[in-house]
Amino acid sequence: MLAARGEPGEVGSSWLLNHRPFADNHLMEPGVKAGAPVLVIQPGGEPPLQVRGVALTGIGPVLAVRLESPWPGMPGDEVALIAGELGARIVARGRLLEARASVASIEITAPWKHVDRRRGQRFATELEAEVRSVLGQSRQKGTITDVSLTGMAVVTAAKPGGREVAIVTQAGAYSATLPCELVQASRSGEGVTLHLKFRELTAAQAAFVRNLVAAAQSRLLHERSEAS
C-alpha cells in the first residue's frame, strides 16, 4: 500500500496524483498482466478509500479490474493504482471511466513505474502482536502480515493515536518490543493495516528482526521448492 512519506524511494498517493502524464505509448509500460492483484486507491480520506481487485486486462491505456466490492464513487474519480505481488509492485495514476457491478474500467493517465516502499525486501508472515500507542497509551491486538529489515505491516482493529507505536511480538522462544513510526494507515477487510517503519533499534531488537525476516524468507523458499 502507498506510503505518504518515509524512506528514500517511497512513493505516496499524493505523488501519483500530481505526477506529470507521459505520452500515451508509454502508459502501459511495464504494464499489468491478467490475474495480477490490483489495489485501487482514492486519496483524500483519512484513511484513503481502498478497494482490492484482480486485473482482467492491462492491454492499451485502459485497465479492467474485477473488484472485491463495487466501487462506491463515480466515473471521473481520480485514483492511484498499485499492481503486482509484494517485492515486484508497480504504481500508476488513473481515472475511473466506468464501473459496472464489480468490474471497473480505469484509464491510465500517468505511466506505470516500479516501486518498493522499503529498501529491504518484504516477506509475508502471520504473527500475533500487541500494538501500543506511545502517545495515547492504548493497547490492542494485531497481526503482523509482512516484515522486512526496515519495517512491517500490521493489521489491527483501529488506527492508534499518534505516529509513534511499539509492536510487541514473539517468535519461538524469543520476544521483542519494536519501536516504530506509522507511515500510513489504510482500511482493509480485516480492519486497518498499519504501514510501519522501524525507529532506531538496539542490537538485540535488530537481531530479532533479522531472525523474523530469515524465517519468513526460509518459508517462502520452502513453499517455492514444494511447488516446483
Foldseek 3Di string as FASTA:
>chain_A
DAFPDDDPQGDHFVCQVPPAADDQVQAQVVHADFQWKKWKWQVDDAHTDIWIFTWHDTPGQKTKTQTPFFDPDDFQGKIKMWIHDFPWIKIFIWTWHDTDGRITITGTGHHIDTGHRDPWGKFFDWWKKWKADPVVRDIFIWIWGIATLWWTKIDTAADDPAFWIWIWTDDPPDIDIFIWGFRGWYQDPRHIITTITGDDDDPVRSVVRVVVRVVRVVVVVVVVVVVD
